[in-house]
Each structure stands twice: as C-alpha cells, then as structure tokens.
Amino acid sequence: MSTQSDNSRENLSLRYKYIICVLLFVVTTSVFWQVLTFAFIFYDDPSYVTDNPHVISGLTWRKLGLQ
C-alpha cells in the first residue's frame, strides 16, 4: 500500500519532470529561434546530391556494401 507521503513524493517528482521538460523546450527554442530568419544555403547540394551519379542511378545492394 502506498502512503500519503509516497503519493506526495511521486507528485513532486512528476512536477519536477514537467518543469525540466518545459525548461528544456524553452531553452532549446530560444537558442534556435533565430534560425527561422536564415536563408537556405546551397553550397554543395548539386555536387553531392543532385548531380552525383551514384545518387542518380538509384539504391542497390552493391552500393550499400551488402553484396
């Protein structure tokens, strides 16, 4: 059976977990909020992705190194 002190400890622990989650969310959001105004940069996308012959030819077992 649980006593009232056990229940109050569980509630306090749960409250601290919620507070920590909210604080982590606020800190992370405040740090990365400025990123929303940044422009997207295409430094190496064409050479590594869209113009890459390995990417264009598709995915195979050999390219994954499983054959």
PDB file of N, CA and C in Angstrom:
ATOM      1  N   MET A   1       0.837  -1.192   0.000  1.00  0.00           N
ATOM      2  CA  MET A   1       0.000   0.000   0.000  1.00  0.00           C
ATOM      3  C   MET A   1       0.873   1.243   0.000  1.00  0.00           C
ATOM      4  N   SER A   2       0.410   2.230  -0.678  1.00  0.00           N
ATOM      5  CA  SER A   2       1.172   3.468  -0.691  1.00  0.00           C
ATOM      6  C   SER A   2       0.591   4.436   0.328  1.00  0.00           C
ATOM      7  N   THR A   3       1.467   5.159   0.940  1.00  0.00           N
ATOM      8  CA  THR A   3       1.042   6.138   1.929  1.00  0.00           C
ATOM      9  C   THR A   3       0.931   7.499   1.278  1.00  0.00           C
ATOM     10  N   GLN A   4       0.432   8.453   2.055  1.00  0.00           N
ATOM     11  CA  GLN A   4       0.257   9.800   1.523  1.00  0.00           C
ATOM     12  C   GLN A   4       1.606  10.447   1.215  1.00  0.00           C
ATOM     13  N   SER A   5       2.629  10.149   2.006  1.00  0.00           N
ATOM     14  CA  SER A   5       3.944  10.727   1.741  1.00  0.00           C
ATOM     15  C   SER A   5       4.541  10.183   0.446  1.00  0.00           C
ATOM     16  N   ASP A   6       4.272   8.892   0.156  1.00  0.00           N
ATOM     17  CA  ASP A   6       4.730   8.324  -1.108  1.00  0.00           C
ATOM     18  C   ASP A   6       4.039   9.002  -2.284  1.00  0.00           C
ATOM     19  N   ASN A   7       2.739   9.252  -2.160  1.00  0.00           N
ATOM     20  CA  ASN A   7       1.994   9.923  -3.218  1.00  0.00           C
ATOM     21  C   ASN A   7       2.486  11.352  -3.417  1.00  0.00           C
ATOM     22  N   SER A   8       2.777  12.031  -2.328  1.00  0.00           N
ATOM     23  CA  SER A   8       3.248  13.408  -2.462  1.00  0.00           C
ATOM     24  C   SER A   8       4.636  13.454  -3.085  1.00  0.00           C
ATOM     25  N   ARG A   9       5.483  12.459  -2.773  1.00  0.00           N
ATOM     26  CA  ARG A   9       6.803  12.375  -3.410  1.00  0.00           C
ATOM     27  C   ARG A   9       6.672  12.108  -4.901  1.00  0.00           C
ATOM     28  N   GLU A  10       5.752  11.212  -5.268  1.00  0.00           N
ATOM     29  CA  GLU A  10       5.535  10.917  -6.683  1.00  0.00           C
ATOM     30  C   GLU A  10       5.028  12.152  -7.415  1.00  0.00           C
ATOM     31  N   ASN A  11       4.106  12.883  -6.814  1.00  0.00           N
ATOM     32  CA  ASN A  11       3.584  14.098  -7.435  1.00  0.00           C
ATOM     33  C   ASN A  11       4.672  15.149  -7.567  1.00  0.00           C
ATOM     34  N   LEU A  12       5.508  15.281  -6.557  1.00  0.00           N
ATOM     35  CA  LEU A  12       6.603  16.243  -6.598  1.00  0.00           C
ATOM     36  C   LEU A  12       7.617  15.850  -7.669  1.00  0.00           C
ATOM     37  N   SER A  13       7.918  14.569  -7.755  1.00  0.00           N
ATOM     38  CA  SER A  13       8.839  14.089  -8.776  1.00  0.00           C
ATOM     39  C   SER A  13       8.267  14.325 -10.165  1.00  0.00           C
ATOM     40  N   LEU A  14       7.000  14.055 -10.349  1.00  0.00           N
ATOM     41  CA  LEU A  14       6.346  14.282 -11.633  1.00  0.00           C
ATOM     42  C   LEU A  14       6.328  15.768 -11.970  1.00  0.00           C
ATOM     43  N   ARG A  15       6.095  16.605 -10.999  1.00  0.00           N
ATOM     44  CA  ARG A  15       6.094  18.055 -11.204  1.00  0.00           C
ATOM     45  C   ARG A  15       7.480  18.525 -11.638  1.00  0.00           C
ATOM     46  N   TYR A  16       8.525  18.010 -11.002  1.00  0.00           N
ATOM     47  CA  TYR A  16       9.891  18.377 -11.397  1.00  0.00           C
ATOM     48  C   TYR A  16      10.200  17.920 -12.822  1.00  0.00           C
ATOM     49  N   LYS A  17       9.721  16.756 -13.190  1.00  0.00           N
ATOM     50  CA  LYS A  17       9.932  16.270 -14.556  1.00  0.00           C
ATOM     51  C   LYS A  17       9.255  17.183 -15.568  1.00  0.00           C
ATOM     52  N   TYR A  18       8.041  17.633 -15.269  1.00  0.00           N
ATOM     53  CA  TYR A  18       7.348  18.560 -16.165  1.00  0.00           C
ATOM     54  C   TYR A  18       8.092  19.887 -16.254  1.00  0.00           C
ATOM     55  N   ILE A  19       8.571  20.376 -15.130  1.00  0.00           N
ATOM     56  CA  ILE A  19       9.299  21.651 -15.124  1.00  0.00           C
ATOM     57  C   ILE A  19      10.582  21.528 -15.938  1.00  0.00           C
ATOM     58  N   ILE A  20      11.304  20.442 -15.784  1.00  0.00           N
ATOM     59  CA  ILE A  20      12.541  20.233 -16.546  1.00  0.00           C
ATOM     60  C   ILE A  20      12.234  20.160 -18.034  1.00  0.00           C
ATOM     61  N   CYS A  21      11.175  19.451 -18.418  1.00  0.00           N
ATOM     62  CA  CYS A  21      10.799  19.361 -19.837  1.00  0.00           C
ATOM     63  C   CYS A  21      10.449  20.731 -20.401  1.00  0.00           C
ATOM     64  N   VAL A  22       9.696  21.510 -19.670  1.00  0.00           N
ATOM     65  CA  VAL A  22       9.323  22.847 -20.139  1.00  0.00           C
ATOM     66  C   VAL A  22      10.558  23.725 -20.250  1.00  0.00           C
ATOM     67  N   LEU A  23      11.440  23.669 -19.275  1.00  0.00           N
ATOM     68  CA  LEU A  23      12.665  24.472 -19.336  1.00  0.00           C
ATOM     69  C   LEU A  23      13.547  24.070 -20.516  1.00  0.00           C
ATOM     70  N   LEU A  24      13.685  22.782 -20.765  1.00  0.00           N
ATOM     71  CA  LEU A  24      14.456  22.324 -21.917  1.00  0.00           C
ATOM     72  C   LEU A  24      13.842  22.818 -23.223  1.00  0.00           C
ATOM     73  N   PHE A  25      12.537  22.773 -23.316  1.00  0.00           N
ATOM     74  CA  PHE A  25      11.857  23.262 -24.510  1.00  0.00           C
ATOM     75  C   PHE A  25      12.083  24.764 -24.695  1.00  0.00           C
ATOM     76  N   VAL A  26      11.960  25.524 -23.630  1.00  0.00           N
ATOM     77  CA  VAL A  26      12.128  26.978 -23.712  1.00  0.00           C
ATOM     78  C   VAL A  26      13.567  27.332 -24.082  1.00  0.00           C
ATOM     79  N   VAL A  27      14.529  26.694 -23.470  1.00  0.00           N
ATOM     80  CA  VAL A  27      15.938  26.984 -23.765  1.00  0.00           C
ATOM     81  C   VAL A  27      16.268  26.612 -25.208  1.00  0.00           C
ATOM     82  N   THR A  28      15.856  25.426 -25.640  1.00  0.00           N
ATOM     83  CA  THR A  28      16.139  24.987 -26.997  1.00  0.00           C
ATOM     84  C   THR A  28      15.468  25.897 -28.017  1.00  0.00           C
ATOM     85  N   THR A  29      14.223  26.247 -27.776  1.00  0.00           N
ATOM     86  CA  THR A  29      13.503  27.133 -28.689  1.00  0.00           C
ATOM     87  C   THR A  29      14.149  28.507 -28.743  1.00  0.00           C
ATOM     88  N   SER A  30      14.550  29.033 -27.610  1.00  0.00           N
ATOM     89  CA  SER A  30      15.157  30.364 -27.608  1.00  0.00           C
ATOM     90  C   SER A  30      16.514  30.376 -28.306  1.00  0.00           C
ATOM     91  N   VAL A  31      17.263  29.293 -28.210  1.00  0.00           N
ATOM     92  CA  VAL A  31      18.565  29.234 -28.863  1.00  0.00           C
ATOM     93  C   VAL A  31      18.412  29.147 -30.375  1.00  0.00           C
ATOM     94  N   PHE A  32      17.473  28.343 -30.840  1.00  0.00           N
ATOM     95  CA  PHE A  32      17.347  28.108 -32.277  1.00  0.00           C
ATOM     96  C   PHE A  32      16.299  28.984 -32.956  1.00  0.00           C
ATOM     97  N   TRP A  33      15.646  29.887 -32.243  1.00  0.00           N
ATOM     98  CA  TRP A  33      14.605  30.733 -32.818  1.00  0.00           C
ATOM     99  C   TRP A  33      15.140  31.598 -33.961  1.00  0.00           C
ATOM    100  N   GLN A  34      16.363  32.077 -33.822  1.00  0.00           N
ATOM    101  CA  GLN A  34      16.942  32.955 -34.831  1.00  0.00           C
ATOM    102  C   GLN A  34      17.142  32.249 -36.172  1.00  0.00           C
ATOM    103  N   VAL A  35      17.200  30.941 -36.165  1.00  0.00           N
ATOM    104  CA  VAL A  35      17.417  30.180 -37.388  1.00  0.00           C
ATOM    105  C   VAL A  35      16.250  30.353 -38.365  1.00  0.00           C
ATOM    106  N   LEU A  36      15.077  30.671 -37.867  1.00  0.00           N
ATOM    107  CA  LEU A  36      13.914  30.832 -38.729  1.00  0.00           C
ATOM    108  C   LEU A  36      14.096  31.949 -39.750  1.00  0.00           C
ATOM    109  N   THR A  37      14.948  32.918 -39.456  1.00  0.00           N
ATOM    110  CA  THR A  37      15.147  34.041 -40.370  1.00  0.00           C
ATOM    111  C   THR A  37      16.321  33.828 -41.316  1.00  0.00           C
ATOM    112  N   PHE A  38      17.051  32.734 -41.173  1.00  0.00           N
ATOM    113  CA  PHE A  38      18.205  32.479 -42.033  1.00  0.00           C
ATOM    114  C   PHE A  38      17.761  31.986 -43.402  1.00  0.00           C
ATOM    115  N   ALA A  39      18.529  32.312 -44.412  1.00  0.00           N
ATOM    116  CA  ALA A  39      18.262  31.811 -45.757  1.00  0.00           C
ATOM    117  C   ALA A  39      18.883  30.430 -45.916  1.00  0.00           C
ATOM    118  N   PHE A  40      18.281  29.619 -46.774  1.00  0.00           N
ATOM    119  CA  PHE A  40      18.828  28.295 -47.038  1.00  0.00           C
ATOM    120  C   PHE A  40      20.034  28.439 -47.950  1.00  0.00           C
ATOM    121  N   ILE A  41      21.086  27.674 -47.696  1.00  0.00           N
ATOM    122  CA  ILE A  41      22.331  27.794 -48.452  1.00  0.00           C
ATOM    123  C   ILE A  41      22.555  26.521 -49.260  1.00  0.00           C
ATOM    124  N   PHE A  42      22.871  26.682 -50.532  1.00  0.00           N
ATOM    125  CA  PHE A  42      23.103  25.554 -51.439  1.00  0.00           C
ATOM    126  C   PHE A  42      24.578  25.452 -51.786  1.00  0.00           C
ATOM    127  N   TYR A  43      25.459  25.261 -50.825  1.00  0.00           N
ATOM    128  CA  TYR A  43      26.891  25.195 -51.107  1.00  0.00           C
ATOM    129  C   TYR A  43      27.269  23.981 -51.945  1.00  0.00           C
ATOM    130  N   ASP A  44      26.913  22.800 -51.461  1.00  0.00           N
ATOM    131  CA  ASP A  44      27.399  21.589 -52.119  1.00  0.00           C
ATOM    132  C   ASP A  44      26.285  20.635 -52.539  1.00  0.00           C
ATOM    133  N   ASP A  45      25.055  21.075 -52.521  1.00  0.00           N
ATOM    134  CA  ASP A  45      23.958  20.192 -52.904  1.00  0.00           C
ATOM    135  C   ASP A  45      24.091  19.652 -54.323  1.00  0.00           C
ATOM    136  N   PRO A  46      24.373  20.483 -55.329  1.00  0.00           N
ATOM    137  CA  PRO A  46      24.466  19.923 -56.678  1.00  0.00           C
ATOM    138  C   PRO A  46      25.570  18.876 -56.818  1.00  0.00           C
ATOM    139  N   SER A  47      26.723  19.129 -56.277  1.00  0.00           N
ATOM    140  CA  SER A  47      27.825  18.187 -56.474  1.00  0.00           C
ATOM    141  C   SER A  47      27.662  16.910 -55.658  1.00  0.00           C
ATOM    142  N   TYR A  48      27.048  16.989 -54.497  1.00  0.00           N
ATOM    143  CA  TYR A  48      26.922  15.799 -53.654  1.00  0.00           C
ATOM    144  C   TYR A  48      25.587  15.086 -53.778  1.00  0.00           C
ATOM    145  N   VAL A  49      24.564  15.776 -54.264  1.00  0.00           N
ATOM    146  CA  VAL A  49      23.246  15.147 -54.296  1.00  0.00           C
ATOM    147  C   VAL A  49      22.665  15.108 -55.702  1.00  0.00           C
ATOM    148  N   THR A  50      22.297  16.241 -56.224  1.00  0.00           N
ATOM    149  CA  THR A  50      21.522  16.244 -57.475  1.00  0.00           C
ATOM    150  C   THR A  50      22.342  15.882 -58.698  1.00  0.00           C
ATOM    151  N   ASP A  51      23.639  16.129 -58.717  1.00  0.00           N
ATOM    152  CA  ASP A  51      24.480  15.784 -59.865  1.00  0.00           C
ATOM    153  C   ASP A  51      25.358  14.562 -59.618  1.00  0.00           C
ATOM    154  N   ASN A  52      25.215  13.920 -58.497  1.00  0.00           N
ATOM    155  CA  ASN A  52      26.040  12.769 -58.142  1.00  0.00           C
ATOM    156  C   ASN A  52      25.563  11.526 -58.906  1.00  0.00           C
ATOM    157  N   PRO A  53      26.431  10.901 -59.693  1.00  0.00           N
ATOM    158  CA  PRO A  53      25.997   9.731 -60.480  1.00  0.00           C
ATOM    159  C   PRO A  53      25.578   8.546 -59.612  1.00  0.00           C
ATOM    160  N   HIS A  54      26.143   8.402 -58.449  1.00  0.00           N
ATOM    161  CA  HIS A  54      25.759   7.306 -57.554  1.00  0.00           C
ATOM    162  C   HIS A  54      24.346   7.506 -57.019  1.00  0.00           C
ATOM    163  N   VAL A  55      23.993   8.729 -56.758  1.00  0.00           N
ATOM    164  CA  VAL A  55      22.648   9.031 -56.262  1.00  0.00           C
ATOM    165  C   VAL A  55      21.633   8.931 -57.398  1.00  0.00           C
ATOM    166  N   ILE A  56      21.997   9.436 -58.550  1.00  0.00           N
ATOM    167  CA  ILE A  56      21.085   9.437 -59.693  1.00  0.00           C
ATOM    168  C   ILE A  56      20.749   8.016 -60.142  1.00  0.00           C
ATOM    169  N   SER A  57      21.723   7.105 -60.088  1.00  0.00           N
ATOM    170  CA  SER A  57      21.488   5.740 -60.581  1.00  0.00           C
ATOM    171  C   SER A  57      20.623   4.910 -59.637  1.00  0.00           C
ATOM    172  N   GLY A  58      20.390   5.355 -58.442  1.00  0.00           N
ATOM    173  CA  GLY A  58      19.484   4.650 -57.539  1.00  0.00           C
ATOM    174  C   GLY A  58      20.198   3.832 -56.480  1.00  0.00           C
ATOM    175  N   LEU A  59      19.413   3.249 -55.605  1.00  0.00           N
ATOM    176  CA  LEU A  59      19.918   2.490 -54.474  1.00  0.00           C
ATOM    177  C   LEU A  59      19.982   1.007 -54.838  1.00  0.00           C
ATOM    178  N   THR A  60      21.141   0.382 -54.612  1.00  0.00           N
ATOM    179  CA  THR A  60      21.306  -1.049 -54.881  1.00  0.00           C
ATOM    180  C   THR A  60      22.012  -1.695 -53.687  1.00  0.00           C
ATOM    181  N   TRP A  61      21.956  -3.038 -53.642  1.00  0.00           N
ATOM    182  CA  TRP A  61      22.637  -3.775 -52.559  1.00  0.00           C
ATOM    183  C   TRP A  61      24.141  -3.575 -52.659  1.00  0.00           C
ATOM    184  N   ARG A  62      24.654  -3.495 -53.862  1.00  0.00           N
ATOM    185  CA  ARG A  62      26.108  -3.344 -54.069  1.00  0.00           C
ATOM    186  C   ARG A  62      26.591  -2.005 -53.503  1.00  0.00           C
ATOM    187  N   LYS A  63      25.820  -0.949 -53.721  1.00  0.00           N
ATOM    188  CA  LYS A  63      26.192   0.370 -53.210  1.00  0.00           C
ATOM    189  C   LYS A  63      26.134   0.429 -51.679  1.00  0.00           C
ATOM    190  N   LEU A  64      25.273  -0.381 -51.118  1.00  0.00           N
ATOM    191  CA  LEU A  64      25.187  -0.450 -49.658  1.00  0.00           C
ATOM    192  C   LEU A  64      26.319  -1.277 -49.055  1.00  0.00           C
ATOM    193  N   GLY A  65      27.040  -2.004 -49.916  1.00  0.00           N
ATOM    194  CA  GLY A  65      28.137  -2.837 -49.441  1.00  0.00           C
ATOM    195  C   GLY A  65      27.677  -4.170 -48.898  1.00  0.00           C
ATOM    196  N   LEU A  66      26.485  -4.583 -49.257  1.00  0.00           N
ATOM    197  CA  LEU A  66      25.935  -5.834 -48.754  1.00  0.00           C
ATOM    198  C   LEU A  66      26.067  -6.966 -49.748  1.00  0.00           C
ATOM    199  N   GLN A  67      26.725  -6.734 -50.846  1.00  0.00           N
ATOM    200  CA  GLN A  67      26.884  -7.795 -51.846  1.00  0.00           C
ATOM    201  C   GLN A  67      28.341  -7.999 -52.160  1.00  0.00           C
TER     202      GLN A  67
END
